Amino acid sequence: MIEKSIEIKMAEDFDARPIAMLVQIASRHDSDIYLATEGKKVNAKSIMGMMSMPLNQGESVTVIAEGTDEQAAVDAIGSYLNGKTE
């Protein structure tokens, strides 16, 4: 299992489109992936869960991944949250 704290540095607000993209990135990986912040932990592959997650520019979120490609999953989500597009 890998846990990594990441500061959100995206240029756009977290509305439906960026959250859907985050779910797509998470879904590309076999590992179980969760995002945790402010006492809340949600499945990063769940659009409904991610829509309920309070994600804001400048805040930190913990990415938790467990599985065969956990490092790749954390790296991909970290890159996206840092504003790097694929």
PDB file of N, CA and C in Angstrom:
ATOM      1  N   MET A   1       0.845  -1.180   0.000  1.00  0.00           N
ATOM      2  CA  MET A   1       0.000   0.000   0.000  1.00  0.00           C
ATOM      3  C   MET A   1       0.887   1.239   0.000  1.00  0.00           C
ATOM      4  N   ILE A   2       0.461   2.223  -0.787  1.00  0.00           N
ATOM      5  CA  ILE A   2       1.173   3.493  -0.868  1.00  0.00           C
ATOM      6  C   ILE A   2       0.214   4.607  -0.486  1.00  0.00           C
ATOM      7  N   GLU A   3       0.681   5.529   0.350  1.00  0.00           N
ATOM      8  CA  GLU A   3      -0.064   6.733   0.688  1.00  0.00           C
ATOM      9  C   GLU A   3       0.816   7.928   0.372  1.00  0.00           C
ATOM     10  N   LYS A   4       0.231   8.914  -0.311  1.00  0.00           N
ATOM     11  CA  LYS A   4       1.011  10.102  -0.658  1.00  0.00           C
ATOM     12  C   LYS A   4       0.126  11.332  -0.529  1.00  0.00           C
ATOM     13  N   SER A   5       0.611  12.322   0.195  1.00  0.00           N
ATOM     14  CA  SER A   5      -0.103  13.583   0.328  1.00  0.00           C
ATOM     15  C   SER A   5       0.263  14.481  -0.851  1.00  0.00           C
ATOM     16  N   ILE A   6      -0.764  15.037  -1.492  1.00  0.00           N
ATOM     17  CA  ILE A   6      -0.553  15.846  -2.689  1.00  0.00           C
ATOM     18  C   ILE A   6      -1.316  17.151  -2.538  1.00  0.00           C
ATOM     19  N   GLU A   7      -0.655  18.264  -2.846  1.00  0.00           N
ATOM     20  CA  GLU A   7      -1.326  19.558  -2.848  1.00  0.00           C
ATOM     21  C   GLU A   7      -1.979  19.753  -4.210  1.00  0.00           C
ATOM     22  N   ILE A   8      -3.235  20.148  -4.214  1.00  0.00           N
ATOM     23  CA  ILE A   8      -3.967  20.354  -5.462  1.00  0.00           C
ATOM     24  C   ILE A   8      -3.520  21.673  -6.079  1.00  0.00           C
ATOM     25  N   LYS A   9      -3.004  21.587  -7.309  1.00  0.00           N
ATOM     26  CA  LYS A   9      -2.483  22.763  -8.005  1.00  0.00           C
ATOM     27  C   LYS A   9      -3.132  22.942  -9.371  1.00  0.00           C
ATOM     28  N   MET A  10      -4.333  22.420  -9.537  1.00  0.00           N
ATOM     29  CA  MET A  10      -5.011  22.516 -10.824  1.00  0.00           C
ATOM     30  C   MET A  10      -5.448  23.953 -11.094  1.00  0.00           C
ATOM     31  N   ALA A  11      -5.430  24.335 -12.363  1.00  0.00           N
ATOM     32  CA  ALA A  11      -5.820  25.692 -12.748  1.00  0.00           C
ATOM     33  C   ALA A  11      -7.326  25.879 -12.732  1.00  0.00           C
ATOM     34  N   GLU A  12      -8.084  24.796 -12.867  1.00  0.00           N
ATOM     35  CA  GLU A  12      -9.540  24.917 -12.934  1.00  0.00           C
ATOM     36  C   GLU A  12     -10.190  24.422 -11.647  1.00  0.00           C
ATOM     37  N   ASP A  13     -11.440  24.850 -11.455  1.00  0.00           N
ATOM     38  CA  ASP A  13     -12.197  24.404 -10.296  1.00  0.00           C
ATOM     39  C   ASP A  13     -12.592  22.944 -10.458  1.00  0.00           C
ATOM     40  N   PHE A  14     -12.861  22.289  -9.340  1.00  0.00           N
ATOM     41  CA  PHE A  14     -13.272  20.887  -9.357  1.00  0.00           C
ATOM     42  C   PHE A  14     -14.781  20.804  -9.515  1.00  0.00           C
ATOM     43  N   ASP A  15     -15.227  20.902 -10.755  1.00  0.00           N
ATOM     44  CA  ASP A  15     -16.631  20.663 -11.039  1.00  0.00           C
ATOM     45  C   ASP A  15     -16.738  19.299 -11.721  1.00  0.00           C
ATOM     46  N   ALA A  16     -17.812  19.035 -12.391  1.00  0.00           N
ATOM     47  CA  ALA A  16     -18.075  17.699 -12.929  1.00  0.00           C
ATOM     48  C   ALA A  16     -17.008  17.206 -13.915  1.00  0.00           C
ATOM     49  N   ARG A  17     -16.537  18.044 -14.824  1.00  0.00           N
ATOM     50  CA  ARG A  17     -15.596  17.587 -15.839  1.00  0.00           C
ATOM     51  C   ARG A  17     -14.248  17.152 -15.257  1.00  0.00           C
ATOM     52  N   PRO A  18     -13.598  17.977 -14.435  1.00  0.00           N
ATOM     53  CA  PRO A  18     -12.315  17.528 -13.875  1.00  0.00           C
ATOM     54  C   PRO A  18     -12.452  16.317 -12.957  1.00  0.00           C
ATOM     55  N   ILE A  19     -13.562  16.217 -12.244  1.00  0.00           N
ATOM     56  CA  ILE A  19     -13.769  15.056 -11.384  1.00  0.00           C
ATOM     57  C   ILE A  19     -13.965  13.806 -12.236  1.00  0.00           C
ATOM     58  N   ALA A  20     -14.716  13.926 -13.328  1.00  0.00           N
ATOM     59  CA  ALA A  20     -14.906  12.782 -14.232  1.00  0.00           C
ATOM     60  C   ALA A  20     -13.568  12.333 -14.811  1.00  0.00           C
ATOM     61  N   MET A  21     -12.698  13.284 -15.129  1.00  0.00           N
ATOM     62  CA  MET A  21     -11.377  12.937 -15.660  1.00  0.00           C
ATOM     63  C   MET A  21     -10.548  12.221 -14.591  1.00  0.00           C
ATOM     64  N   LEU A  22     -10.624  12.676 -13.356  1.00  0.00           N
ATOM     65  CA  LEU A  22      -9.904  12.025 -12.268  1.00  0.00           C
ATOM     66  C   LEU A  22     -10.381  10.587 -12.091  1.00  0.00           C
ATOM     67  N   VAL A  23     -11.685  10.367 -12.161  1.00  0.00           N
ATOM     68  CA  VAL A  23     -12.249   9.012 -12.057  1.00  0.00           C
ATOM     69  C   VAL A  23     -11.759   8.147 -13.229  1.00  0.00           C
ATOM     70  N   GLN A  24     -11.694   8.717 -14.426  1.00  0.00           N
ATOM     71  CA  GLN A  24     -11.190   7.971 -15.584  1.00  0.00           C
ATOM     72  C   GLN A  24      -9.731   7.560 -15.384  1.00  0.00           C
ATOM     73  N   ILE A  25      -8.928   8.468 -14.875  1.00  0.00           N
ATOM     74  CA  ILE A  25      -7.512   8.150 -14.630  1.00  0.00           C
ATOM     75  C   ILE A  25      -7.406   7.032 -13.594  1.00  0.00           C
ATOM     76  N   ALA A  26      -8.161   7.124 -12.521  1.00  0.00           N
ATOM     77  CA  ALA A  26      -8.130   6.087 -11.487  1.00  0.00           C
ATOM     78  C   ALA A  26      -8.595   4.746 -12.042  1.00  0.00           C
ATOM     79  N   SER A  27      -9.596   4.772 -12.885  1.00  0.00           N
ATOM     80  CA  SER A  27     -10.178   3.541 -13.426  1.00  0.00           C
ATOM     81  C   SER A  27      -9.252   2.805 -14.391  1.00  0.00           C
ATOM     82  N   ARG A  28      -8.236   3.460 -14.860  1.00  0.00           N
ATOM     83  CA  ARG A  28      -7.253   2.823 -15.752  1.00  0.00           C
ATOM     84  C   ARG A  28      -6.339   1.851 -15.006  1.00  0.00           C
ATOM     85  N   HIS A  29      -6.388   1.883 -13.691  1.00  0.00           N
ATOM     86  CA  HIS A  29      -5.487   1.082 -12.876  1.00  0.00           C
ATOM     87  C   HIS A  29      -6.234  -0.045 -12.175  1.00  0.00           C
ATOM     88  N   ASP A  30      -5.524  -1.147 -11.971  1.00  0.00           N
ATOM     89  CA  ASP A  30      -6.113  -2.307 -11.304  1.00  0.00           C
ATOM     90  C   ASP A  30      -6.181  -2.137  -9.791  1.00  0.00           C
ATOM     91  N   SER A  31      -5.323  -1.318  -9.248  1.00  0.00           N
ATOM     92  CA  SER A  31      -5.252  -1.134  -7.795  1.00  0.00           C
ATOM     93  C   SER A  31      -6.514  -0.491  -7.242  1.00  0.00           C
ATOM     94  N   ASP A  32      -6.775  -0.748  -5.965  1.00  0.00           N
ATOM     95  CA  ASP A  32      -7.819  -0.021  -5.243  1.00  0.00           C
ATOM     96  C   ASP A  32      -7.245   1.351  -4.921  1.00  0.00           C
ATOM     97  N   ILE A  33      -7.995   2.402  -5.236  1.00  0.00           N
ATOM     98  CA  ILE A  33      -7.490   3.768  -5.069  1.00  0.00           C
ATOM     99  C   ILE A  33      -8.517   4.590  -4.310  1.00  0.00           C
ATOM    100  N   TYR A  34      -8.040   5.296  -3.295  1.00  0.00           N
ATOM    101  CA  TYR A  34      -8.904   6.144  -2.479  1.00  0.00           C
ATOM    102  C   TYR A  34      -8.271   7.513  -2.343  1.00  0.00           C
ATOM    103  N   LEU A  35      -9.094   8.537  -2.193  1.00  0.00           N
ATOM    104  CA  LEU A  35      -8.643   9.868  -1.843  1.00  0.00           C
ATOM    105  C   LEU A  35      -9.207  10.194  -0.475  1.00  0.00           C
ATOM    106  N   ALA A  36      -8.389  10.780   0.375  1.00  0.00           N
ATOM    107  CA  ALA A  36      -8.804  11.107   1.728  1.00  0.00           C
ATOM    108  C   ALA A  36      -8.451  12.556   2.050  1.00  0.00           C
ATOM    109  N   THR A  37      -9.398  13.231   2.694  1.00  0.00           N
ATOM    110  CA  THR A  37      -9.181  14.600   3.149  1.00  0.00           C
ATOM    111  C   THR A  37     -10.225  14.943   4.193  1.00  0.00           C
ATOM    112  N   GLU A  38      -9.854  15.766   5.137  1.00  0.00           N
ATOM    113  CA  GLU A  38     -10.784  16.259   6.155  1.00  0.00           C
ATOM    114  C   GLU A  38     -11.649  15.152   6.761  1.00  0.00           C
ATOM    115  N   GLY A  39     -11.051  14.030   7.074  1.00  0.00           N
ATOM    116  CA  GLY A  39     -11.786  12.945   7.706  1.00  0.00           C
ATOM    117  C   GLY A  39     -12.689  12.156   6.782  1.00  0.00           C
ATOM    118  N   LYS A  40     -12.609  12.405   5.483  1.00  0.00           N
ATOM    119  CA  LYS A  40     -13.449  11.701   4.510  1.00  0.00           C
ATOM    120  C   LYS A  40     -12.552  10.906   3.571  1.00  0.00           C
ATOM    121  N   LYS A  41     -12.944   9.671   3.286  1.00  0.00           N
ATOM    122  CA  LYS A  41     -12.189   8.798   2.390  1.00  0.00           C
ATOM    123  C   LYS A  41     -13.162   8.218   1.372  1.00  0.00           C
ATOM    124  N   VAL A  42     -12.853   8.409   0.076  1.00  0.00           N
ATOM    125  CA  VAL A  42     -13.752   7.913  -0.968  1.00  0.00           C
ATOM    126  C   VAL A  42     -12.981   7.126  -2.012  1.00  0.00           C
ATOM    127  N   ASN A  43     -13.703   6.234  -2.669  1.00  0.00           N
ATOM    128  CA  ASN A  43     -13.153   5.440  -3.763  1.00  0.00           C
ATOM    129  C   ASN A  43     -12.949   6.365  -4.959  1.00  0.00           C
ATOM    130  N   ALA A  44     -11.724   6.474  -5.450  1.00  0.00           N
ATOM    131  CA  ALA A  44     -11.408   7.370  -6.560  1.00  0.00           C
ATOM    132  C   ALA A  44     -12.007   6.901  -7.880  1.00  0.00           C
ATOM    133  N   LYS A  45     -12.498   5.674  -7.923  1.00  0.00           N
ATOM    134  CA  LYS A  45     -13.119   5.154  -9.146  1.00  0.00           C
ATOM    135  C   LYS A  45     -14.632   5.361  -9.149  1.00  0.00           C
ATOM    136  N   SER A  46     -15.164   5.969  -8.114  1.00  0.00           N
ATOM    137  CA  SER A  46     -16.602   6.201  -7.978  1.00  0.00           C
ATOM    138  C   SER A  46     -16.932   7.664  -8.275  1.00  0.00           C
ATOM    139  N   ILE A  47     -17.656   7.912  -9.348  1.00  0.00           N
ATOM    140  CA  ILE A  47     -18.005   9.290  -9.700  1.00  0.00           C
ATOM    141  C   ILE A  47     -18.855   9.930  -8.614  1.00  0.00           C
ATOM    142  N   MET A  48     -19.790   9.175  -8.045  1.00  0.00           N
ATOM    143  CA  MET A  48     -20.641   9.740  -6.993  1.00  0.00           C
ATOM    144  C   MET A  48     -19.829  10.039  -5.731  1.00  0.00           C
ATOM    145  N   GLY A  49     -18.919   9.147  -5.387  1.00  0.00           N
ATOM    146  CA  GLY A  49     -18.069   9.396  -4.231  1.00  0.00           C
ATOM    147  C   GLY A  49     -17.187  10.610  -4.431  1.00  0.00           C
ATOM    148  N   MET A  50     -16.599  10.716  -5.611  1.00  0.00           N
ATOM    149  CA  MET A  50     -15.703  11.842  -5.894  1.00  0.00           C
ATOM    150  C   MET A  50     -16.456  13.167  -5.953  1.00  0.00           C
ATOM    151  N   MET A  51     -17.707  13.149  -6.411  1.00  0.00           N
ATOM    152  CA  MET A  51     -18.500  14.385  -6.450  1.00  0.00           C
ATOM    153  C   MET A  51     -18.782  14.891  -5.034  1.00  0.00           C
ATOM    154  N   SER A  52     -18.792  13.988  -4.055  1.00  0.00           N
ATOM    155  CA  SER A  52     -19.054  14.396  -2.678  1.00  0.00           C
ATOM    156  C   SER A  52     -17.783  14.811  -1.934  1.00  0.00           C
ATOM    157  N   MET A  53     -16.637  14.657  -2.579  1.00  0.00           N
ATOM    158  CA  MET A  53     -15.351  14.947  -1.944  1.00  0.00           C
ATOM    159  C   MET A  53     -15.046  16.446  -2.029  1.00  0.00           C
ATOM    160  N   PRO A  54     -14.720  17.083  -0.911  1.00  0.00           N
ATOM    161  CA  PRO A  54     -14.376  18.513  -0.951  1.00  0.00           C
ATOM    162  C   PRO A  54     -12.945  18.710  -1.452  1.00  0.00           C
ATOM    163  N   LEU A  55     -12.789  18.996  -2.735  1.00  0.00           N
ATOM    164  CA  LEU A  55     -11.472  19.224  -3.323  1.00  0.00           C
ATOM    165  C   LEU A  55     -11.360  20.680  -3.750  1.00  0.00           C
ATOM    166  N   ASN A  56     -10.346  21.370  -3.237  1.00  0.00           N
ATOM    167  CA  ASN A  56     -10.169  22.784  -3.552  1.00  0.00           C
ATOM    168  C   ASN A  56      -8.709  23.088  -3.838  1.00  0.00           C
ATOM    169  N   GLN A  57      -8.503  24.048  -4.699  1.00  0.00           N
ATOM    170  CA  GLN A  57      -7.176  24.519  -5.064  1.00  0.00           C
ATOM    171  C   GLN A  57      -6.376  24.870  -3.814  1.00  0.00           C
ATOM    172  N   GLY A  58      -5.136  24.394  -3.732  1.00  0.00           N
ATOM    173  CA  GLY A  58      -4.256  24.715  -2.622  1.00  0.00           C
ATOM    174  C   GLY A  58      -4.364  23.796  -1.421  1.00  0.00           C
ATOM    175  N   GLU A  59      -5.398  22.964  -1.368  1.00  0.00           N
ATOM    176  CA  GLU A  59      -5.548  22.035  -0.258  1.00  0.00           C
ATOM    177  C   GLU A  59      -4.778  20.746  -0.540  1.00  0.00           C
ATOM    178  N   SER A  60      -4.523  19.990   0.503  1.00  0.00           N
ATOM    179  CA  SER A  60      -3.844  18.713   0.361  1.00  0.00           C
ATOM    180  C   SER A  60      -4.839  17.569   0.436  1.00  0.00           C
ATOM    181  N   VAL A  61      -4.575  16.541  -0.330  1.00  0.00           N
ATOM    182  CA  VAL A  61      -5.384  15.336  -0.334  1.00  0.00           C
ATOM    183  C   VAL A  61      -4.420  14.160  -0.266  1.00  0.00           C
ATOM    184  N   THR A  62      -4.819  13.108   0.412  1.00  0.00           N
ATOM    185  CA  THR A  62      -3.990  11.909   0.488  1.00  0.00           C
ATOM    186  C   THR A  62      -4.508  10.892  -0.509  1.00  0.00           C
ATOM    187  N   VAL A  63      -3.613  10.437  -1.385  1.00  0.00           N
ATOM    188  CA  VAL A  63      -3.944   9.386  -2.352  1.00  0.00           C
ATOM    189  C   VAL A  63      -3.459   8.071  -1.761  1.00  0.00           C
ATOM    190  N   ILE A  64      -4.354   7.106  -1.688  1.00  0.00           N
ATOM    191  CA  ILE A  64      -4.041   5.795  -1.122  1.00  0.00           C
ATOM    192  C   ILE A  64      -4.290   4.754  -2.207  1.00  0.00           C
ATOM    193  N   ALA A  65      -3.295   3.949  -2.505  1.00  0.00           N
ATOM    194  CA  ALA A  65      -3.450   2.911  -3.527  1.00  0.00           C
ATOM    195  C   ALA A  65      -2.873   1.603  -3.013  1.00  0.00           C
ATOM    196  N   GLU A  66      -3.564   0.516  -3.363  1.00  0.00           N
ATOM    197  CA  GLU A  66      -3.093  -0.807  -2.985  1.00  0.00           C
ATOM    198  C   GLU A  66      -3.403  -1.767  -4.125  1.00  0.00           C
ATOM    199  N   GLY A  67      -2.357  -2.420  -4.620  1.00  0.00           N
ATOM    200  CA  GLY A  67      -2.536  -3.376  -5.699  1.00  0.00           C
ATOM    201  C   GLY A  67      -1.292  -3.493  -6.551  1.00  0.00           C
ATOM    202  N   THR A  68      -1.446  -4.162  -7.666  1.00  0.00           N
ATOM    203  CA  THR A  68      -0.296  -4.485  -8.513  1.00  0.00           C
ATOM    204  C   THR A  68       0.336  -3.270  -9.183  1.00  0.00           C
ATOM    205  N   ASP A  69      -0.442  -2.223  -9.426  1.00  0.00           N
ATOM    206  CA  ASP A  69       0.104  -1.029 -10.090  1.00  0.00           C
ATOM    207  C   ASP A  69      -0.073   0.224  -9.227  1.00  0.00           C
ATOM    208  N   GLU A  70       0.068   0.043  -7.926  1.00  0.00           N
ATOM    209  CA  GLU A  70      -0.196   1.132  -6.983  1.00  0.00           C
ATOM    210  C   GLU A  70       0.690   2.350  -7.210  1.00  0.00           C
ATOM    211  N   GLN A  71       1.967   2.144  -7.508  1.00  0.00           N
ATOM    212  CA  GLN A  71       2.862   3.287  -7.727  1.00  0.00           C
ATOM    213  C   GLN A  71       2.457   4.073  -8.968  1.00  0.00           C
ATOM    214  N   ALA A  72       2.140   3.371 -10.039  1.00  0.00           N
ATOM    215  CA  ALA A  72       1.693   4.039 -11.267  1.00  0.00           C
ATOM    216  C   ALA A  72       0.394   4.799 -11.026  1.00  0.00           C
ATOM    217  N   ALA A  73      -0.495   4.240 -10.232  1.00  0.00           N
ATOM    218  CA  ALA A  73      -1.774   4.891  -9.932  1.00  0.00           C
ATOM    219  C   ALA A  73      -1.551   6.187  -9.157  1.00  0.00           C
ATOM    220  N   VAL A  74      -0.735   6.128  -8.123  1.00  0.00           N
ATOM    221  CA  VAL A  74      -0.447   7.325  -7.321  1.00  0.00           C
ATOM    222  C   VAL A  74       0.245   8.383  -8.164  1.00  0.00           C
ATOM    223  N   ASP A  75       1.178   7.970  -9.004  1.00  0.00           N
ATOM    224  CA  ASP A  75       1.891   8.918  -9.868  1.00  0.00           C
ATOM    225  C   ASP A  75       0.941   9.595 -10.851  1.00  0.00           C
ATOM    226  N   ALA A  76       0.041   8.828 -11.462  1.00  0.00           N
ATOM    227  CA  ALA A  76      -0.889   9.382 -12.453  1.00  0.00           C
ATOM    228  C   ALA A  76      -1.856  10.369 -11.810  1.00  0.00           C
ATOM    229  N   ILE A  77      -2.396  10.010 -10.653  1.00  0.00           N
ATOM    230  CA  ILE A  77      -3.329  10.913  -9.978  1.00  0.00           C
ATOM    231  C   ILE A  77      -2.594  12.146  -9.461  1.00  0.00           C
ATOM    232  N   GLY A  78      -1.393  11.942  -8.949  1.00  0.00           N
ATOM    233  CA  GLY A  78      -0.588  13.074  -8.485  1.00  0.00           C
ATOM    234  C   GLY A  78      -0.290  14.047  -9.604  1.00  0.00           C
ATOM    235  N   SER A  79       0.058  13.543 -10.767  1.00  0.00           N
ATOM    236  CA  SER A  79       0.326  14.404 -11.918  1.00  0.00           C
ATOM    237  C   SER A  79      -0.915  15.202 -12.306  1.00  0.00           C
ATOM    238  N   TYR A  80      -2.052  14.528 -12.320  1.00  0.00           N
ATOM    239  CA  TYR A  80      -3.297  15.213 -12.683  1.00  0.00           C
ATOM    240  C   TYR A  80      -3.643  16.307 -11.667  1.00  0.00           C
ATOM    241  N   LEU A  81      -3.540  16.000 -10.389  1.00  0.00           N
ATOM    242  CA  LEU A  81      -3.856  16.989  -9.361  1.00  0.00           C
ATOM    243  C   LEU A  81      -2.864  18.149  -9.330  1.00  0.00           C
ATOM    244  N   ASN A  82      -1.674  17.921  -9.873  1.00  0.00           N
ATOM    245  CA  ASN A  82      -0.677  18.981  -9.961  1.00  0.00           C
ATOM    246  C   ASN A  82      -0.826  19.808 -11.240  1.00  0.00           C
ATOM    247  N   GLY A  83      -1.889  19.538 -11.996  1.00  0.00           N
ATOM    248  CA  GLY A  83      -2.175  20.345 -13.173  1.00  0.00           C
ATOM    249  C   GLY A  83      -1.498  19.892 -14.440  1.00  0.00           C
ATOM    250  N   LYS A  84      -0.888  18.718 -14.418  1.00  0.00           N
ATOM    251  CA  LYS A  84      -0.230  18.196 -15.611  1.00  0.00           C
ATOM    252  C   LYS A  84      -1.242  17.356 -16.382  1.00  0.00           C
ATOM    253  N   THR A  85      -1.450  17.696 -17.632  1.00  0.00           N
ATOM    254  CA  THR A  85      -2.406  16.952 -18.440  1.00  0.00           C
ATOM    255  C   THR A  85      -1.734  15.774 -19.116  1.00  0.00           C
ATOM    256  N   GLU A  86      -2.556  14.820 -19.499  1.00  0.00           N
ATOM    257  CA  GLU A  86      -2.023  13.622 -20.151  1.00  0.00           C
ATOM    258  C   GLU A  86      -1.993  13.793 -21.644  1.00  0.00           C
TER     259      GLU A  86
END
